[in-house]
mmCIF file of all heavy atoms, coordinates in Angstrom:
data_MODEL
# 
_entry.id   MODEL 
# 
loop_
_atom_site.group_PDB 
_atom_site.id 
_atom_site.type_symbol 
_atom_site.label_atom_id 
_atom_site.label_alt_id 
_atom_site.label_comp_id 
_atom_site.label_asym_id 
_atom_site.label_entity_id 
_atom_site.label_seq_id 
_atom_site.pdbx_PDB_ins_code 
_atom_site.Cartn_x 
_atom_site.Cartn_y 
_atom_site.Cartn_z 
_atom_site.occupancy 
_atom_site.B_iso_or_equiv 
_atom_site.pdbx_formal_charge 
_atom_site.auth_seq_id 
_atom_site.auth_comp_id 
_atom_site.auth_asym_id 
_atom_site.auth_atom_id 
_atom_site.pdbx_PDB_model_num 
ATOM 1   N N   . MET A 1 1  ? 167.521 16.442 73.490 1.00 0.00 ? 1  MET A N   1 
ATOM 2   C CA  . MET A 1 1  ? 168.915 16.388 73.931 1.00 0.00 ? 1  MET A CA  1 
ATOM 3   C C   . MET A 1 1  ? 169.222 15.055 74.611 1.00 0.00 ? 1  MET A C   1 
ATOM 4   O O   . MET A 1 1  ? 170.270 14.436 74.377 1.00 0.00 ? 1  MET A O   1 
ATOM 5   C CB  . MET A 1 1  ? 169.231 17.546 74.888 1.00 0.00 ? 1  MET A CB  1 
ATOM 6   C CG  . MET A 1 1  ? 169.137 18.935 74.276 1.00 0.00 ? 1  MET A CG  1 
ATOM 7   S SD  . MET A 1 1  ? 170.216 19.189 72.826 1.00 0.00 ? 1  MET A SD  1 
ATOM 8   C CE  . MET A 1 1  ? 169.011 19.113 71.492 1.00 0.00 ? 1  MET A CE  1 
ATOM 9   N N   . GLU A 1 2  ? 168.305 14.600 75.447 1.00 0.00 ? 2  GLU A N   1 
ATOM 10  C CA  . GLU A 1 2  ? 168.507 13.319 76.122 1.00 0.00 ? 2  GLU A CA  1 
ATOM 11  C C   . GLU A 1 2  ? 168.483 12.182 75.105 1.00 0.00 ? 2  GLU A C   1 
ATOM 12  O O   . GLU A 1 2  ? 169.255 11.214 75.216 1.00 0.00 ? 2  GLU A O   1 
ATOM 13  C CB  . GLU A 1 2  ? 167.429 13.104 77.184 1.00 0.00 ? 2  GLU A CB  1 
ATOM 14  C CG  . GLU A 1 2  ? 167.607 11.853 78.030 1.00 0.00 ? 2  GLU A CG  1 
ATOM 15  C CD  . GLU A 1 2  ? 168.901 11.844 78.832 1.00 0.00 ? 2  GLU A CD  1 
ATOM 16  O OE1 . GLU A 1 2  ? 169.402 12.943 79.193 1.00 0.00 ? 2  GLU A OE1 1 
ATOM 17  O OE2 . GLU A 1 2  ? 169.420 10.741 79.097 1.00 0.00 ? 2  GLU A OE2 1 
ATOM 18  N N   . GLY A 1 3  ? 167.616 12.289 74.105 1.00 0.00 ? 3  GLY A N   1 
ATOM 19  C CA  . GLY A 1 3  ? 167.549 11.254 73.078 1.00 0.00 ? 3  GLY A CA  1 
ATOM 20  C C   . GLY A 1 3  ? 168.839 11.136 72.287 1.00 0.00 ? 3  GLY A C   1 
ATOM 21  O O   . GLY A 1 3  ? 169.300 10.032 71.986 1.00 0.00 ? 3  GLY A O   1 
ATOM 22  N N   . ILE A 1 4  ? 169.448 12.276 71.951 1.00 0.00 ? 4  ILE A N   1 
ATOM 23  C CA  . ILE A 1 4  ? 170.725 12.257 71.233 1.00 0.00 ? 4  ILE A CA  1 
ATOM 24  C C   . ILE A 1 4  ? 171.820 11.675 72.116 1.00 0.00 ? 4  ILE A C   1 
ATOM 25  O O   . ILE A 1 4  ? 172.624 10.841 71.685 1.00 0.00 ? 4  ILE A O   1 
ATOM 26  C CB  . ILE A 1 4  ? 171.095 13.675 70.758 1.00 0.00 ? 4  ILE A CB  1 
ATOM 27  C CG1 . ILE A 1 4  ? 170.067 14.175 69.744 1.00 0.00 ? 4  ILE A CG1 1 
ATOM 28  C CG2 . ILE A 1 4  ? 172.497 13.690 70.152 1.00 0.00 ? 4  ILE A CG2 1 
ATOM 29  C CD1 . ILE A 1 4  ? 170.155 15.656 69.465 1.00 0.00 ? 4  ILE A CD1 1 
ATOM 30  N N   . ALA A 1 5  ? 171.848 12.112 73.389 1.00 0.00 ? 5  ALA A N   1 
ATOM 31  C CA  . ALA A 1 5  ? 172.863 11.602 74.321 1.00 0.00 ? 5  ALA A CA  1 
ATOM 32  C C   . ALA A 1 5  ? 172.710 10.100 74.517 1.00 0.00 ? 5  ALA A C   1 
ATOM 33  O O   . ALA A 1 5  ? 173.702 9.349  74.489 1.00 0.00 ? 5  ALA A O   1 
ATOM 34  C CB  . ALA A 1 5  ? 172.747 12.332 75.656 1.00 0.00 ? 5  ALA A CB  1 
ATOM 35  N N   . GLU A 1 6  ? 171.482 9.644  74.715 1.00 0.00 ? 6  GLU A N   1 
ATOM 36  C CA  . GLU A 1 6  ? 171.244 8.207  74.905 1.00 0.00 ? 6  GLU A CA  1 
ATOM 37  C C   . GLU A 1 6  ? 171.653 7.415  73.660 1.00 0.00 ? 6  GLU A C   1 
ATOM 38  O O   . GLU A 1 6  ? 172.186 6.304  73.770 1.00 0.00 ? 6  GLU A O   1 
ATOM 39  C CB  . GLU A 1 6  ? 169.774 7.960  75.224 1.00 0.00 ? 6  GLU A CB  1 
ATOM 40  C CG  . GLU A 1 6  ? 169.354 8.410  76.622 1.00 0.00 ? 6  GLU A CG  1 
ATOM 41  C CD  . GLU A 1 6  ? 167.876 8.192  76.872 1.00 0.00 ? 6  GLU A CD  1 
ATOM 42  O OE1 . GLU A 1 6  ? 167.161 7.815  75.917 1.00 0.00 ? 6  GLU A OE1 1 
ATOM 43  O OE2 . GLU A 1 6  ? 167.438 8.396  78.021 1.00 0.00 ? 6  GLU A OE2 1 
ATOM 44  N N   . ALA A 1 7  ? 171.384 7.989  72.484 1.00 0.00 ? 7  ALA A N   1 
ATOM 45  C CA  . ALA A 1 7  ? 171.766 7.299  71.256 1.00 0.00 ? 7  ALA A CA  1 
ATOM 46  C C   . ALA A 1 7  ? 173.278 7.153  71.171 1.00 0.00 ? 7  ALA A C   1 
ATOM 47  O O   . ALA A 1 7  ? 173.794 6.096  70.780 1.00 0.00 ? 7  ALA A O   1 
ATOM 48  C CB  . ALA A 1 7  ? 171.232 8.058  70.044 1.00 0.00 ? 7  ALA A CB  1 
ATOM 49  N N   . LEU A 1 8  ? 174.007 8.189  71.543 1.00 0.00 ? 8  LEU A N   1 
ATOM 50  C CA  . LEU A 1 8  ? 175.468 8.119  71.497 1.00 0.00 ? 8  LEU A CA  1 
ATOM 51  C C   . LEU A 1 8  ? 176.019 7.085  72.481 1.00 0.00 ? 8  LEU A C   1 
ATOM 52  O O   . LEU A 1 8  ? 177.079 6.504  72.240 1.00 0.00 ? 8  LEU A O   1 
ATOM 53  C CB  . LEU A 1 8  ? 176.062 9.493  71.810 1.00 0.00 ? 8  LEU A CB  1 
ATOM 54  C CG  . LEU A 1 8  ? 175.914 10.549 70.716 1.00 0.00 ? 8  LEU A CG  1 
ATOM 55  C CD1 . LEU A 1 8  ? 176.323 11.916 71.233 1.00 0.00 ? 8  LEU A CD1 1 
ATOM 56  C CD2 . LEU A 1 8  ? 176.743 10.179 69.491 1.00 0.00 ? 8  LEU A CD2 1 
ATOM 57  N N   . GLU A 1 9  ? 175.305 6.862  73.563 1.00 0.00 ? 9  GLU A N   1 
ATOM 58  C CA  . GLU A 1 9  ? 175.759 5.915  74.588 1.00 0.00 ? 9  GLU A CA  1 
ATOM 59  C C   . GLU A 1 9  ? 175.272 4.495  74.341 1.00 0.00 ? 9  GLU A C   1 
ATOM 60  O O   . GLU A 1 9  ? 175.727 3.557  75.008 1.00 0.00 ? 9  GLU A O   1 
ATOM 61  C CB  . GLU A 1 9  ? 175.273 6.375  75.965 1.00 0.00 ? 9  GLU A CB  1 
ATOM 62  C CG  . GLU A 1 9  ? 175.876 7.693  76.415 1.00 0.00 ? 9  GLU A CG  1 
ATOM 63  C CD  . GLU A 1 9  ? 175.167 8.289  77.617 1.00 0.00 ? 9  GLU A CD  1 
ATOM 64  O OE1 . GLU A 1 9  ? 173.975 7.973  77.829 1.00 0.00 ? 9  GLU A OE1 1 
ATOM 65  O OE2 . GLU A 1 9  ? 175.782 9.077  78.343 1.00 0.00 ? 9  GLU A OE2 1 
ATOM 66  N N   . ASP A 1 10 ? 174.351 4.327  73.409 1.00 0.00 ? 10 ASP A N   1 
ATOM 67  C CA  . ASP A 1 10 ? 173.754 3.015  73.157 1.00 0.00 ? 10 ASP A CA  1 
ATOM 68  C C   . ASP A 1 10 ? 174.810 2.030  72.644 1.00 0.00 ? 10 ASP A C   1 
ATOM 69  O O   . ASP A 1 10 ? 175.615 2.368  71.763 1.00 0.00 ? 10 ASP A O   1 
ATOM 70  C CB  . ASP A 1 10 ? 172.635 3.156  72.130 1.00 0.00 ? 10 ASP A CB  1 
ATOM 71  C CG  . ASP A 1 10 ? 171.908 1.854  71.894 1.00 0.00 ? 10 ASP A CG  1 
ATOM 72  O OD1 . ASP A 1 10 ? 171.064 1.494  72.722 1.00 0.00 ? 10 ASP A OD1 1 
ATOM 73  O OD2 . ASP A 1 10 ? 172.213 1.182  70.878 1.00 0.00 ? 10 ASP A OD2 1 
ATOM 74  N N   . PRO A 1 11 ? 174.840 0.807  73.182 1.00 0.00 ? 11 PRO A N   1 
ATOM 75  C CA  . PRO A 1 11 ? 175.858 -0.170 72.755 1.00 0.00 ? 11 PRO A CA  1 
ATOM 76  C C   . PRO A 1 11 ? 175.861 -0.439 71.256 1.00 0.00 ? 11 PRO A C   1 
ATOM 77  O O   . PRO A 1 11 ? 176.939 -0.610 70.654 1.00 0.00 ? 11 PRO A O   1 
ATOM 78  C CB  . PRO A 1 11 ? 175.492 -1.426 73.538 1.00 0.00 ? 11 PRO A CB  1 
ATOM 79  C CG  . PRO A 1 11 ? 174.794 -0.912 74.762 1.00 0.00 ? 11 PRO A CG  1 
ATOM 80  C CD  . PRO A 1 11 ? 174.029 0.294  74.303 1.00 0.00 ? 11 PRO A CD  1 
ATOM 81  N N   . SER A 1 12 ? 174.679 -0.476 70.632 1.00 0.00 ? 12 SER A N   1 
ATOM 82  C CA  . SER A 1 12 ? 174.649 -0.743 69.192 1.00 0.00 ? 12 SER A CA  1 
ATOM 83  C C   . SER A 1 12 ? 175.242 0.418  68.409 1.00 0.00 ? 12 SER A C   1 
ATOM 84  O O   . SER A 1 12 ? 175.918 0.208  67.386 1.00 0.00 ? 12 SER A O   1 
ATOM 85  C CB  . SER A 1 12 ? 173.214 -1.025 68.733 1.00 0.00 ? 12 SER A CB  1 
ATOM 86  O OG  . SER A 1 12 ? 172.369 0.090  68.979 1.00 0.00 ? 12 SER A OG  1 
ATOM 87  N N   . VAL A 1 13 ? 175.006 1.640  68.870 1.00 0.00 ? 13 VAL A N   1 
ATOM 88  C CA  . VAL A 1 13 ? 175.572 2.807  68.199 1.00 0.00 ? 13 VAL A CA  1 
ATOM 89  C C   . VAL A 1 13 ? 177.081 2.859  68.422 1.00 0.00 ? 13 VAL A C   1 
ATOM 90  O O   . VAL A 1 13 ? 177.857 3.092  67.490 1.00 0.00 ? 13 VAL A O   1 
ATOM 91  C CB  . VAL A 1 13 ? 174.904 4.104  68.685 1.00 0.00 ? 13 VAL A CB  1 
ATOM 92  C CG1 . VAL A 1 13 ? 175.605 5.334  68.102 1.00 0.00 ? 13 VAL A CG1 1 
ATOM 93  C CG2 . VAL A 1 13 ? 173.429 4.118  68.314 1.00 0.00 ? 13 VAL A CG2 1 
ATOM 94  N N   . VAL A 1 14 ? 177.512 2.625  69.664 1.00 0.00 ? 14 VAL A N   1 
ATOM 95  C CA  . VAL A 1 14 ? 178.952 2.604  69.950 1.00 0.00 ? 14 VAL A CA  1 
ATOM 96  C C   . VAL A 1 14 ? 179.634 1.521  69.121 1.00 0.00 ? 14 VAL A C   1 
ATOM 97  O O   . VAL A 1 14 ? 180.733 1.725  68.587 1.00 0.00 ? 14 VAL A O   1 
ATOM 98  C CB  . VAL A 1 14 ? 179.210 2.390  71.451 1.00 0.00 ? 14 VAL A CB  1 
ATOM 99  C CG1 . VAL A 1 14 ? 180.701 2.185  71.727 1.00 0.00 ? 14 VAL A CG1 1 
ATOM 100 C CG2 . VAL A 1 14 ? 178.693 3.572  72.266 1.00 0.00 ? 14 VAL A CG2 1 
ATOM 101 N N   . GLY A 1 15 ? 178.971 0.378  68.970 1.00 0.00 ? 15 GLY A N   1 
ATOM 102 C CA  . GLY A 1 15 ? 179.531 -0.688 68.146 1.00 0.00 ? 15 GLY A CA  1 
ATOM 103 C C   . GLY A 1 15 ? 179.680 -0.264 66.695 1.00 0.00 ? 15 GLY A C   1 
ATOM 104 O O   . GLY A 1 15 ? 180.681 -0.587 66.045 1.00 0.00 ? 15 GLY A O   1 
ATOM 105 N N   . ALA A 1 16 ? 178.678 0.456  66.187 1.00 0.00 ? 16 ALA A N   1 
ATOM 106 C CA  . ALA A 1 16 ? 178.772 0.948  64.811 1.00 0.00 ? 16 ALA A CA  1 
ATOM 107 C C   . ALA A 1 16 ? 179.904 1.958  64.665 1.00 0.00 ? 16 ALA A C   1 
ATOM 108 O O   . ALA A 1 16 ? 180.636 1.952  63.678 1.00 0.00 ? 16 ALA A O   1 
ATOM 109 C CB  . ALA A 1 16 ? 177.441 1.579  64.401 1.00 0.00 ? 16 ALA A CB  1 
ATOM 110 N N   . ILE A 1 17 ? 180.062 2.812  65.671 1.00 0.00 ? 17 ILE A N   1 
ATOM 111 C CA  . ILE A 1 17 ? 181.127 3.829  65.635 1.00 0.00 ? 17 ILE A CA  1 
ATOM 112 C C   . ILE A 1 17 ? 182.496 3.166  65.654 1.00 0.00 ? 17 ILE A C   1 
ATOM 113 O O   . ILE A 1 17 ? 183.363 3.467  64.829 1.00 0.00 ? 17 ILE A O   1 
ATOM 114 C CB  . ILE A 1 17 ? 180.986 4.802  66.822 1.00 0.00 ? 17 ILE A CB  1 
ATOM 115 C CG1 . ILE A 1 17 ? 179.749 5.684  66.646 1.00 0.00 ? 17 ILE A CG1 1 
ATOM 116 C CG2 . ILE A 1 17 ? 182.240 5.674  66.953 1.00 0.00 ? 17 ILE A CG2 1 
ATOM 117 C CD1 . ILE A 1 17 ? 179.409 6.524  67.868 1.00 0.00 ? 17 ILE A CD1 1 
ATOM 118 N N   . THR A 1 18 ? 182.706 2.277  66.611 1.00 0.00 ? 18 THR A N   1 
ATOM 119 C CA  . THR A 1 18 ? 184.025 1.646  66.750 1.00 0.00 ? 18 THR A CA  1 
ATOM 120 C C   . THR A 1 18 ? 184.307 0.643  65.644 1.00 0.00 ? 18 THR A C   1 
ATOM 121 O O   . THR A 1 18 ? 185.453 0.235  65.450 1.00 0.00 ? 18 THR A O   1 
ATOM 122 C CB  . THR A 1 18 ? 184.160 0.965  68.127 1.00 0.00 ? 18 THR A CB  1 
ATOM 123 O OG1 . THR A 1 18 ? 183.093 0.013  68.300 1.00 0.00 ? 18 THR A OG1 1 
ATOM 124 C CG2 . THR A 1 18 ? 184.077 2.001  69.248 1.00 0.00 ? 18 THR A CG2 1 
ATOM 125 N N   . GLY A 1 19 ? 183.264 0.254  64.903 1.00 0.00 ? 19 GLY A N   1 
ATOM 126 C CA  . GLY A 1 19 ? 183.469 -0.614 63.755 1.00 0.00 ? 19 GLY A CA  1 
ATOM 127 C C   . GLY A 1 19 ? 184.074 0.105  62.571 1.00 0.00 ? 19 GLY A C   1 
ATOM 128 O O   . GLY A 1 19 ? 184.482 -0.527 61.594 1.00 0.00 ? 19 GLY A O   1 
ATOM 129 N N   . ASN A 1 20 ? 184.116 1.447  62.645 1.00 0.00 ? 20 ASN A N   1 
ATOM 130 C CA  . ASN A 1 20 ? 184.756 2.256  61.607 1.00 0.00 ? 20 ASN A CA  1 
ATOM 131 C C   . ASN A 1 20 ? 186.185 2.574  62.023 1.00 0.00 ? 20 ASN A C   1 
ATOM 132 O O   . ASN A 1 20 ? 186.385 3.150  63.101 1.00 0.00 ? 20 ASN A O   1 
ATOM 133 C CB  . ASN A 1 20 ? 183.999 3.576  61.417 1.00 0.00 ? 20 ASN A CB  1 
ATOM 134 C CG  . ASN A 1 20 ? 182.697 3.420  60.664 1.00 0.00 ? 20 ASN A CG  1 
ATOM 135 O OD1 . ASN A 1 20 ? 182.681 3.302  59.456 1.00 0.00 ? 20 ASN A OD1 1 
ATOM 136 N ND2 . ASN A 1 20 ? 181.586 3.417  61.402 1.00 0.00 ? 20 ASN A ND2 1 
ATOM 137 N N   . PRO A 1 21 ? 187.180 2.229  61.231 1.00 0.00 ? 21 PRO A N   1 
ATOM 138 C CA  . PRO A 1 21 ? 188.555 2.610  61.577 1.00 0.00 ? 21 PRO A CA  1 
ATOM 139 C C   . PRO A 1 21 ? 188.650 4.123  61.776 1.00 0.00 ? 21 PRO A C   1 
ATOM 140 O O   . PRO A 1 21 ? 188.245 4.893  60.916 1.00 0.00 ? 21 PRO A O   1 
ATOM 141 C CB  . PRO A 1 21 ? 189.360 2.159  60.351 1.00 0.00 ? 21 PRO A CB  1 
ATOM 142 C CG  . PRO A 1 21 ? 188.533 1.082  59.736 1.00 0.00 ? 21 PRO A CG  1 
ATOM 143 C CD  . PRO A 1 21 ? 187.111 1.481  59.965 1.00 0.00 ? 21 PRO A CD  1 
ATOM 144 N N   . GLY A 1 22 ? 189.154 4.529  62.939 1.00 0.00 ? 22 GLY A N   1 
ATOM 145 C CA  . GLY A 1 22 ? 189.251 5.951  63.215 1.00 0.00 ? 22 GLY A CA  1 
ATOM 146 C C   . GLY A 1 22 ? 187.993 6.567  63.775 1.00 0.00 ? 22 GLY A C   1 
ATOM 147 O O   . GLY A 1 22 ? 187.968 7.749  64.098 1.00 0.00 ? 22 GLY A O   1 
ATOM 148 N N   . GLY A 1 23 ? 186.908 5.777  63.900 1.00 0.00 ? 23 GLY A N   1 
ATOM 149 C CA  . GLY A 1 23 ? 185.670 6.294  64.452 1.00 0.00 ? 23 GLY A CA  1 
ATOM 150 C C   . GLY A 1 23 ? 184.944 7.203  63.484 1.00 0.00 ? 23 GLY A C   1 
ATOM 151 O O   . GLY A 1 23 ? 185.006 7.030  62.264 1.00 0.00 ? 23 GLY A O   1 
ATOM 152 N N   . ILE A 1 24 ? 184.231 8.201  64.038 1.00 0.00 ? 24 ILE A N   1 
ATOM 153 C CA  . ILE A 1 24 ? 183.465 9.138  63.226 1.00 0.00 ? 24 ILE A CA  1 
ATOM 154 C C   . ILE A 1 24 ? 183.762 10.562 63.687 1.00 0.00 ? 24 ILE A C   1 
ATOM 155 O O   . ILE A 1 24 ? 184.350 10.786 64.746 1.00 0.00 ? 24 ILE A O   1 
ATOM 156 C CB  . ILE A 1 24 ? 181.943 8.888  63.337 1.00 0.00 ? 24 ILE A CB  1 
ATOM 157 C CG1 . ILE A 1 24 ? 181.428 9.230  64.755 1.00 0.00 ? 24 ILE A CG1 1 
ATOM 158 C CG2 . ILE A 1 24 ? 181.587 7.468  62.949 1.00 0.00 ? 24 ILE A CG2 1 
ATOM 159 C CD1 . ILE A 1 24 ? 179.910 9.295  64.859 1.00 0.00 ? 24 ILE A CD1 1 
ATOM 160 N N   . LEU A 1 25 ? 183.337 11.525 62.885 1.00 0.00 ? 25 LEU A N   1 
ATOM 161 C CA  . LEU A 1 25 ? 183.282 12.916 63.312 1.00 0.00 ? 25 LEU A CA  1 
ATOM 162 C C   . LEU A 1 25 ? 181.831 13.246 63.623 1.00 0.00 ? 25 LEU A C   1 
ATOM 163 O O   . LEU A 1 25 ? 180.917 12.795 62.917 1.00 0.00 ? 25 LEU A O   1 
ATOM 164 C CB  . LEU A 1 25 ? 183.803 13.846 62.222 1.00 0.00 ? 25 LEU A CB  1 
ATOM 165 C CG  . LEU A 1 25 ? 185.302 13.800 61.949 1.00 0.00 ? 25 LEU A CG  1 
ATOM 166 C CD1 . LEU A 1 25 ? 185.629 14.646 60.724 1.00 0.00 ? 25 LEU A CD1 1 
ATOM 167 C CD2 . LEU A 1 25 ? 186.091 14.279 63.157 1.00 0.00 ? 25 LEU A CD2 1 
ATOM 168 N N   . PHE A 1 26 ? 181.614 14.041 64.674 1.00 0.00 ? 26 PHE A N   1 
ATOM 169 C CA  . PHE A 1 26 ? 180.252 14.362 65.118 1.00 0.00 ? 26 PHE A CA  1 
ATOM 170 C C   . PHE A 1 26 ? 180.155 15.854 65.395 1.00 0.00 ? 26 PHE A C   1 
ATOM 171 O O   . PHE A 1 26 ? 181.071 16.462 65.973 1.00 0.00 ? 26 PHE A O   1 
ATOM 172 C CB  . PHE A 1 26 ? 179.922 13.586 66.401 1.00 0.00 ? 26 PHE A CB  1 
ATOM 173 C CG  . PHE A 1 26 ? 178.593 13.946 67.025 1.00 0.00 ? 26 PHE A CG  1 
ATOM 174 C CD1 . PHE A 1 26 ? 177.454 13.237 66.701 1.00 0.00 ? 26 PHE A CD1 1 
ATOM 175 C CD2 . PHE A 1 26 ? 178.492 14.993 67.944 1.00 0.00 ? 26 PHE A CD2 1 
ATOM 176 C CE1 . PHE A 1 26 ? 176.225 13.567 67.269 1.00 0.00 ? 26 PHE A CE1 1 
ATOM 177 C CE2 . PHE A 1 26 ? 177.273 15.324 68.514 1.00 0.00 ? 26 PHE A CE2 1 
ATOM 178 C CZ  . PHE A 1 26 ? 176.133 14.610 68.187 1.00 0.00 ? 26 PHE A CZ  1 
# 
């Protein structure tokens, strides 16, 4: 659970998410 949460908060992951118009569904 902590690994998933940390991944969602990671700057590289956030950058990948925000690089998609409209973001993602999770």
